Amino acid sequence: MATSDPDGSSDTVGNQSPSQGSSQLLSHNLRKSIPTSKEDTLRITSGTVNQLSKAKLHLVSKGYLAQGVEISFLGLSLILFQITTEAKLPLLADNIKSVAFLLEVLSIDSLSDHLTTSIESKLNVVIESLALTASNLDDQQQELQENTAGLVNAALQIAETTNNATLALSKVMGDIRHCLETMPQAPIHTLAPTSTVTSPLTPAAINNLDIDIALYVETSRSTSRHRDCITLPILSLLEGLLASLHLLDLVVVFVLVPDHIDIAGISPEPQSLHSLSELELVSKARLAYESIRLTDNLTPADLCFVGAKKLSAGNIVLDLNSPQAAMWLKQPDVRASFMQNFSAVSTFKDFEYQVLVEFIPITFSPDSQEALEHIKGDSGAQTGRLVWPEWAKPLE
């Protein structure tokens, strides 16, 4: 009986001696020895393909490989699977397919390695970018801390400068108030009629001025003899007051309402206000200001209380930072809302000052509105600053 060898040869098995069977098995093992190198394989096998270029041309000629197509492990695996269709022996086909499977796995592993390498490379770039960003953030944070320290120092310097300016302004205001409170009363003179006066519209004898009023004085419009009669010391005093009285536009005064004065002369609340320090009075005024709720009356953006002073009889003087702030606080609706939280038994009061002007023609009429308006125009006084004129002594 004869059997077929897997590589296509045939062995005869039958009435053979043991020595003949052993010789044939040894010969079979020698023929099935696997070559150890590519050169041995090319030498043993037949055919004309013995280098890479011929291998490509052979595969192209057989239709297994397209011209110009890049070769990959997966492509080679597919070619081997296609070649197995031409293998006549099952063992040869299995050998070829086994190699094809290994190439396919190698292709997948190679792709995984490539993806892993690519992802790792990109992750390294991202990590380096994050590290650089973190370093930049550290630098920016350090710079921000340095800038913050600089701003804090600047704020402290500004606060110190503002405090010094506030103290200086408060001292100036106190000096002005002291000067006005201690200003001596000018003597009252009896005026004799004169026929040399040509203008009846000479300034009034007395001009009562409130906190918003500038002091006013003007020489006579008649002859030079009357102009020379106004003494230089009085003019110098009035000119000095005109130069400094604009600071009083920053002041509001609170006095005790007469109905709330007790037997001792001062109500309990003004006594409690007098027990407060100037800083505490400023804080109380600020709290009262913050309690004002008026939707149709906008608050000045920079309103600020900068000082306070306690006067006799329970009066309180508050200094503000601008004339606009003082004028806004004097409005009736604002004043009522402010006083609800500052003092229930006190009220606003305007300062009034009397100025004596000598040698006024007797033809001047204090009741003449036209004369008063003429005086206001000649003196340059602002609207509302001249209250009224009157004679210091009735004419005889």
Protein backbone atom coordinates (compact mmCIF):
# COMPACT_ATOMS: atom_id res chain seq x y z
CA MET A 1 0.00 0.00 0.00
CA ALA A 2 1.33 3.47 -0.85
CA THR A 3 0.72 6.75 1.11
CA SER A 4 1.12 10.30 -0.11
CA ASP A 5 3.69 12.55 1.58
CA PRO A 6 2.49 16.04 2.54
CA ASP A 7 5.01 17.70 0.20
CA GLY A 8 3.80 15.68 -2.82
CA SER A 9 6.19 12.68 -2.73
CA SER A 10 5.03 9.19 -1.99
CA ASP A 11 6.44 6.50 0.26
CA THR A 12 5.88 2.78 -0.34
CA VAL A 13 4.84 0.90 2.74
CA GLY A 14 4.36 -2.79 2.40
CA ASN A 15 6.52 -5.84 2.62
CA GLN A 16 9.68 -3.90 3.61
CA SER A 17 12.31 -4.87 6.10
CA PRO A 18 12.86 -2.78 9.30
CA SER A 19 16.18 -1.56 7.99
CA GLN A 20 14.60 -0.25 4.82
CA GLY A 21 11.87 1.64 6.87
CA SER A 22 14.42 3.33 9.11
CA SER A 23 16.45 4.46 6.10
CA GLN A 24 13.42 5.99 4.42
CA LEU A 25 12.35 7.82 7.69
CA LEU A 26 15.84 9.35 8.08
CA SER A 27 15.77 10.48 4.46
CA HIS A 28 12.34 12.03 5.01
CA ASN A 29 13.53 13.96 8.09
CA LEU A 30 16.55 15.26 6.21
CA ARG A 31 14.33 16.53 3.40
CA LYS A 32 12.03 18.25 5.92
CA SER A 33 14.84 20.10 7.71
CA ILE A 34 14.05 23.85 7.81
CA PRO A 35 16.75 26.07 6.26
CA THR A 36 18.39 28.37 8.80
CA SER A 37 18.88 31.38 6.47
CA LYS A 38 17.42 33.16 3.50
CA GLU A 39 20.39 32.21 1.34
CA ASP A 40 19.92 28.47 2.10
CA THR A 41 16.27 28.76 1.21
CA LEU A 42 16.98 30.47 -2.12
CA ARG A 43 19.64 27.88 -2.92
CA ILE A 44 17.40 24.88 -2.17
CA THR A 45 14.21 26.14 -3.80
CA SER A 46 13.66 26.45 -7.51
CA GLY A 47 12.37 29.42 -9.47
CA THR A 48 13.68 32.78 -10.66
CA VAL A 49 12.67 35.04 -7.72
CA ASN A 50 15.80 35.65 -5.73
CA GLN A 51 15.60 39.38 -4.81
CA LEU A 52 13.05 42.03 -3.71
CA SER A 53 12.54 43.70 -7.09
CA LYS A 54 11.78 40.37 -8.78
CA ALA A 55 9.45 39.48 -5.92
CA LYS A 56 7.43 42.67 -6.47
CA LEU A 57 7.31 42.14 -10.24
CA HIS A 58 6.23 38.54 -9.75
CA LEU A 59 3.39 39.52 -7.38
CA VAL A 60 2.29 42.29 -9.73
CA SER A 61 2.32 39.92 -12.72
CA LYS A 62 0.21 37.39 -10.83
CA GLY A 63 -2.28 40.06 -9.73
CA TYR A 64 -1.54 39.83 -6.03
CA LEU A 65 -0.05 43.31 -5.79
CA ALA A 66 -1.07 46.55 -7.54
CA GLN A 67 1.61 48.68 -9.16
CA GLY A 68 2.76 51.56 -6.92
CA VAL A 69 0.72 50.50 -3.87
CA GLU A 70 2.48 50.78 -0.52
CA ILE A 71 3.15 47.40 1.06
CA SER A 72 2.03 46.78 4.65
CA PHE A 73 1.90 43.82 6.98
CA LEU A 74 -1.84 43.61 6.54
CA GLY A 75 -1.45 43.68 2.75
CA LEU A 76 1.14 40.89 2.81
CA SER A 77 -1.16 38.85 5.03
CA LEU A 78 -3.95 39.23 2.49
CA ILE A 79 -1.62 38.14 -0.36
CA LEU A 80 -0.69 34.97 1.53
CA PHE A 81 -4.35 34.18 2.11
CA GLN A 82 -4.92 34.60 -1.63
CA ILE A 83 -1.97 32.30 -2.50
CA THR A 84 -3.45 29.50 -0.38
CA THR A 85 -6.21 29.15 -2.95
CA GLU A 86 -3.60 27.84 -5.42
CA ALA A 87 -1.95 25.43 -2.97
CA LYS A 88 -2.71 21.82 -3.96
CA LEU A 89 -1.73 20.26 -0.68
CA PRO A 90 -3.57 21.01 2.57
CA LEU A 91 -0.35 21.07 4.55
CA LEU A 92 1.15 23.70 2.26
CA ALA A 93 -2.01 25.76 2.47
CA ASP A 94 -1.97 25.56 6.27
CA ASN A 95 1.66 26.67 6.36
CA ILE A 96 0.93 29.69 4.19
CA LYS A 97 -2.18 30.65 6.17
CA SER A 98 -0.29 30.35 9.43
CA VAL A 99 2.26 32.87 8.23
CA ALA A 100 -0.58 35.11 7.01
CA PHE A 101 -2.20 35.06 10.45
CA LEU A 102 1.08 35.99 12.08
CA LEU A 103 1.54 38.90 9.66
CA GLU A 104 -2.01 40.08 10.40
CA VAL A 105 -1.36 40.04 14.14
CA LEU A 106 1.95 41.80 13.56
CA SER A 107 0.13 44.44 11.54
CA ILE A 108 -2.36 45.02 14.37
CA ASP A 109 0.44 45.16 16.94
CA SER A 110 2.39 47.55 14.74
CA LEU A 111 -0.67 49.78 14.35
CA SER A 112 -1.22 49.71 18.11
CA ASP A 113 2.41 50.60 18.69
CA HIS A 114 2.13 53.41 16.18
CA LEU A 115 -1.02 54.74 17.82
CA THR A 116 0.53 54.42 21.24
CA THR A 117 3.63 56.26 20.10
CA SER A 118 1.56 58.98 18.43
CA ILE A 119 -0.68 59.43 21.45
CA GLU A 120 2.30 59.44 23.78
CA SER A 121 4.02 62.04 21.64
CA LYS A 122 0.95 64.27 21.62
CA LEU A 123 0.45 63.80 25.35
CA ASN A 124 4.05 64.81 25.92
CA VAL A 125 3.43 67.99 23.94
CA VAL A 126 0.29 68.69 26.00
CA ILE A 127 2.13 67.98 29.26
CA GLU A 128 4.98 70.29 28.27
CA SER A 129 2.46 72.98 27.31
CA LEU A 130 0.67 72.59 30.65
CA ALA A 131 3.96 72.76 32.51
CA LEU A 132 4.88 75.93 30.62
CA THR A 133 1.44 77.40 31.33
CA ALA A 134 1.79 76.55 35.02
CA SER A 135 5.18 78.25 35.07
CA ASN A 136 3.71 81.32 33.38
CA LEU A 137 0.85 81.33 35.90
CA ASP A 138 3.35 81.23 38.74
CA ASP A 139 5.20 84.17 37.22
CA GLN A 140 1.95 86.08 36.71
CA GLN A 141 0.83 85.29 40.26
CA GLN A 142 4.12 86.56 41.63
CA GLU A 143 3.84 89.69 39.50
CA LEU A 144 0.24 90.17 40.67
CA GLN A 145 1.34 89.85 44.29
CA GLU A 146 4.03 92.46 43.71
CA ASN A 147 1.52 94.78 42.00
CA THR A 148 -0.95 94.22 44.83
CA ALA A 149 1.68 95.14 47.38
CA GLY A 150 2.45 98.28 45.39
CA LEU A 151 -1.23 99.21 45.21
CA VAL A 152 -1.64 98.66 48.94
CA ASN A 153 1.32 100.93 49.64
CA ALA A 154 -0.07 103.54 47.26
CA ALA A 155 -3.50 103.30 48.91
CA LEU A 156 -1.92 103.78 52.33
CA GLN A 157 -0.04 106.83 51.08
CA ILE A 158 -3.22 108.25 49.52
CA ALA A 159 -5.14 107.62 52.74
CA GLU A 160 -2.43 109.34 54.77
CA THR A 161 -2.36 112.29 52.36
CA THR A 162 -6.16 112.54 52.42
CA ASN A 163 -6.17 112.44 56.21
CA ASN A 164 -3.57 115.20 56.38
CA ALA A 165 -5.53 117.29 53.87
CA THR A 166 -8.75 116.72 55.84
CA LEU A 167 -7.09 117.79 59.07
CA ALA A 168 -5.64 120.87 57.37
CA LEU A 169 -9.02 121.78 55.85
CA SER A 170 -10.75 121.25 59.20
CA LYS A 171 -8.21 123.55 60.87
CA VAL A 172 -8.75 126.22 58.20
CA MET A 173 -12.51 125.98 58.62
CA GLY A 174 -12.15 126.25 62.39
CA ASP A 175 -9.94 129.33 62.03
CA ILE A 176 -12.46 130.95 59.69
CA ARG A 177 -15.36 130.24 62.04
CA HIS A 178 -13.37 131.57 64.99
CA CYS A 179 -12.53 134.72 63.03
CA LEU A 180 -16.15 135.29 62.10
CA GLU A 181 -17.45 134.56 65.61
CA THR A 182 -14.97 136.95 67.21
CA MET A 183 -15.22 139.69 64.55
CA PRO A 184 -15.94 142.98 66.37
CA GLN A 185 -19.16 144.84 65.67
CA ALA A 186 -18.55 147.97 63.58
CA PRO A 187 -19.76 151.26 65.15
CA ILE A 188 -23.08 152.71 64.00
CA HIS A 189 -22.96 156.27 62.69
CA THR A 190 -25.81 158.72 62.33
CA LEU A 191 -25.95 159.95 58.78
CA ALA A 192 -26.66 163.57 58.01
CA PRO A 193 -28.44 164.59 54.82
CA THR A 194 -26.28 165.96 52.03
CA SER A 195 -27.25 167.74 48.85
CA THR A 196 -24.19 166.61 46.95
CA VAL A 197 -25.43 163.07 46.44
CA THR A 198 -26.41 162.51 42.83
CA SER A 199 -27.23 158.79 42.84
CA PRO A 200 -29.96 157.34 45.09
CA LEU A 201 -28.86 153.77 44.31
CA THR A 202 -25.91 153.53 46.64
CA PRO A 203 -25.26 150.24 48.59
CA ALA A 204 -27.43 149.65 51.65
CA ALA A 205 -26.29 150.42 55.13
CA ILE A 206 -26.67 146.89 56.43
CA ASN A 207 -26.37 143.69 54.41
CA ASN A 208 -27.33 140.50 56.25
CA LEU A 209 -25.48 137.55 54.76
CA ASP A 210 -26.13 133.81 55.28
CA ILE A 211 -23.79 130.88 54.75
CA ASP A 212 -24.09 131.07 50.96
CA ILE A 213 -23.67 134.86 50.79
CA ALA A 214 -20.48 136.67 49.88
CA LEU A 215 -19.74 139.88 51.79
CA TYR A 216 -20.50 142.99 49.81
CA VAL A 217 -19.18 146.55 49.90
CA GLU A 218 -19.07 149.27 47.28
CA THR A 219 -17.99 152.92 47.34
CA SER A 220 -20.45 155.68 46.66
CA ARG A 221 -21.20 156.64 43.10
CA SER A 222 -21.36 160.32 44.02
CA THR A 223 -18.41 162.63 44.48
CA SER A 224 -14.90 161.57 45.35
CA ARG A 225 -15.40 163.16 48.78
CA HIS A 226 -17.87 160.41 49.69
CA ARG A 227 -15.72 157.64 48.24
CA ASP A 228 -12.78 158.75 50.35
CA CYS A 229 -14.90 158.60 53.49
CA ILE A 230 -14.93 154.75 53.49
CA THR A 231 -12.02 153.81 55.72
CA LEU A 232 -9.24 151.56 54.46
CA PRO A 233 -9.26 149.12 57.46
CA ILE A 234 -12.91 148.24 56.87
CA LEU A 235 -12.27 147.67 53.15
CA SER A 236 -9.26 145.47 53.89
CA LEU A 237 -11.29 143.36 56.33
CA LEU A 238 -14.12 142.94 53.85
CA GLU A 239 -11.77 142.07 50.99
CA GLY A 240 -10.12 139.40 53.15
CA LEU A 241 -13.49 137.92 54.05
CA LEU A 242 -14.55 137.97 50.41
CA ALA A 243 -11.44 135.95 49.54
CA SER A 244 -11.97 133.29 52.23
CA LEU A 245 -15.72 133.14 52.82
CA HIS A 246 -16.26 130.78 49.87
CA LEU A 247 -15.03 128.01 52.21
CA LEU A 248 -18.21 128.50 54.26
CA ASP A 249 -20.14 127.09 51.32
CA LEU A 250 -18.91 123.71 52.59
CA VAL A 251 -20.58 124.08 56.01
CA VAL A 252 -24.00 123.13 57.42
CA VAL A 253 -25.08 124.11 60.95
CA PHE A 254 -27.55 122.34 63.25
CA VAL A 255 -29.17 124.32 66.10
CA LEU A 256 -31.64 123.32 68.79
CA VAL A 257 -35.31 123.96 68.03
CA PRO A 258 -36.69 126.46 70.61
CA ASP A 259 -39.67 124.23 71.49
CA HIS A 260 -37.27 121.51 72.71
CA ILE A 261 -35.16 123.67 75.04
CA ASP A 262 -35.62 122.63 78.67
CA ILE A 263 -35.15 124.63 81.85
CA ALA A 264 -31.39 124.21 81.76
CA GLY A 265 -31.35 125.68 78.26
CA ILE A 266 -30.24 122.56 76.37
CA SER A 267 -32.26 119.45 75.58
CA PRO A 268 -30.93 115.94 76.41
CA GLU A 269 -30.20 115.08 72.78
CA PRO A 270 -27.86 118.01 72.04
CA GLN A 271 -26.12 117.21 75.29
CA SER A 272 -25.57 113.67 74.02
CA LEU A 273 -24.33 115.04 70.70
CA HIS A 274 -21.88 117.26 72.57
CA SER A 275 -20.56 114.19 74.37
CA LEU A 276 -19.48 112.73 71.02
CA SER A 277 -16.06 113.43 69.56
CA GLU A 278 -15.65 115.10 66.18
CA LEU A 279 -14.85 111.74 64.59
CA GLU A 280 -18.00 110.21 66.14
CA LEU A 281 -20.10 113.13 64.90
CA VAL A 282 -18.73 112.59 61.38
CA SER A 283 -19.55 108.87 61.62
CA LYS A 284 -23.09 109.65 62.84
CA ALA A 285 -23.59 112.10 59.98
CA ARG A 286 -22.31 109.52 57.48
CA LEU A 287 -24.78 106.92 58.81
CA ALA A 288 -27.62 109.43 58.59
CA TYR A 289 -26.60 110.27 55.02
CA GLU A 290 -26.52 106.59 54.04
CA SER A 291 -30.09 106.21 55.36
CA ILE A 292 -31.44 108.76 52.85
CA ARG A 293 -33.71 107.04 50.34
CA LEU A 294 -34.87 109.40 47.59
CA THR A 295 -35.52 107.95 44.16
CA ASP A 296 -36.12 111.29 42.42
CA ASN A 297 -33.20 113.20 43.93
CA LEU A 298 -29.80 111.85 42.96
CA THR A 299 -27.02 112.00 45.52
CA PRO A 300 -23.74 113.71 44.55
CA ALA A 301 -21.27 110.97 43.72
CA ASP A 302 -18.45 112.40 45.86
CA LEU A 303 -20.41 113.61 48.91
CA CYS A 304 -18.32 113.21 52.04
CA PHE A 305 -18.27 114.63 55.58
CA VAL A 306 -14.73 115.81 56.33
CA GLY A 307 -15.04 117.39 59.76
CA ALA A 308 -17.26 118.47 62.66
CA LYS A 309 -17.20 121.12 65.39
CA LYS A 310 -19.27 121.60 68.54
CA LEU A 311 -20.40 125.18 69.26
CA SER A 312 -22.04 126.70 72.30
CA ALA A 313 -25.70 126.09 73.20
CA GLY A 314 -25.65 122.66 71.58
CA ASN A 315 -24.99 123.78 68.01
CA ILE A 316 -23.12 121.42 65.68
CA VAL A 317 -21.19 122.42 62.53
CA LEU A 318 -20.51 119.77 59.86
CA ASP A 319 -17.95 120.32 57.10
CA LEU A 320 -18.55 118.76 53.67
CA ASN A 321 -16.16 118.27 50.79
CA SER A 322 -17.90 120.46 48.19
CA PRO A 323 -20.43 123.34 47.96
CA GLN A 324 -22.63 121.12 45.78
CA ALA A 325 -22.83 118.57 48.58
CA ALA A 326 -23.83 121.25 51.11
CA MET A 327 -26.48 122.68 48.76
CA TRP A 328 -27.88 119.20 48.10
CA LEU A 329 -28.11 118.44 51.82
CA LYS A 330 -30.04 121.69 52.40
CA GLN A 331 -32.87 120.69 50.06
CA PRO A 332 -36.12 120.24 52.04
CA ASP A 333 -36.74 116.57 51.22
CA VAL A 334 -33.08 115.63 51.72
CA ARG A 335 -32.88 117.63 54.94
CA ALA A 336 -35.99 115.95 56.39
CA SER A 337 -34.72 112.46 55.58
CA PHE A 338 -31.28 113.25 56.99
CA MET A 339 -32.57 114.77 60.24
CA GLN A 340 -34.71 111.71 61.02
CA ASN A 341 -31.54 109.75 61.73
CA PHE A 342 -29.20 112.52 62.87
CA SER A 343 -31.21 114.60 65.36
CA ALA A 344 -34.96 114.82 65.95
CA VAL A 345 -34.87 118.10 67.93
CA SER A 346 -32.37 120.04 65.81
CA THR A 347 -32.73 121.87 62.53
CA PHE A 348 -30.59 123.44 59.82
CA LYS A 349 -29.51 127.04 60.24
CA ASP A 350 -27.77 129.37 57.81
CA PHE A 351 -25.01 131.63 59.08
CA GLU A 352 -25.90 135.32 58.89
CA TYR A 353 -23.36 138.12 59.05
CA GLN A 354 -23.97 141.83 59.33
CA VAL A 355 -21.72 144.21 57.44
CA LEU A 356 -21.82 147.92 58.20
CA VAL A 357 -21.25 150.28 55.30
CA GLU A 358 -20.75 153.95 56.18
CA PHE A 359 -21.67 157.17 54.40
CA ILE A 360 -24.79 155.94 52.64
CA PRO A 361 -26.93 158.65 50.97
CA ILE A 362 -30.19 159.25 52.84
CA THR A 363 -32.04 158.97 49.56
CA PHE A 364 -31.42 155.21 49.54
CA SER A 365 -34.58 153.20 50.20
CA PRO A 366 -34.05 149.74 51.75
CA ASP A 367 -37.58 148.75 50.69
CA SER A 368 -36.87 149.36 47.01
CA GLN A 369 -36.41 146.01 45.25
CA GLU A 370 -35.02 147.81 42.22
CA ALA A 371 -32.35 149.46 44.36
CA LEU A 372 -31.46 146.12 45.94
CA GLU A 373 -31.13 144.45 42.54
CA HIS A 374 -28.96 147.36 41.37
CA ILE A 375 -26.68 146.85 44.37
CA LYS A 376 -26.45 143.12 43.70
CA GLY A 377 -25.48 143.78 40.09
CA ASP A 378 -22.84 146.37 40.99
CA SER A 379 -21.31 144.19 43.71
CA GLY A 380 -21.19 141.01 41.64
CA ALA A 381 -22.99 139.07 44.38
CA GLN A 382 -24.46 135.75 43.27
CA THR A 383 -28.19 135.16 43.29
CA GLY A 384 -29.57 134.59 46.78
CA ARG A 385 -26.45 135.73 48.62
CA LEU A 386 -27.68 139.20 49.63
CA VAL A 387 -30.52 138.80 52.13
CA TRP A 388 -31.76 142.33 52.85
CA PRO A 389 -30.55 145.88 53.59
CA GLU A 390 -31.73 148.06 56.46
CA TRP A 391 -30.67 151.23 58.19
CA ALA A 392 -28.51 150.74 61.29
CA LYS A 393 -30.27 153.75 62.83
CA PRO A 394 -33.57 155.19 61.63
CA LEU A 395 -33.26 158.47 59.79
CA GLU A 396 -34.25 161.58 61.80
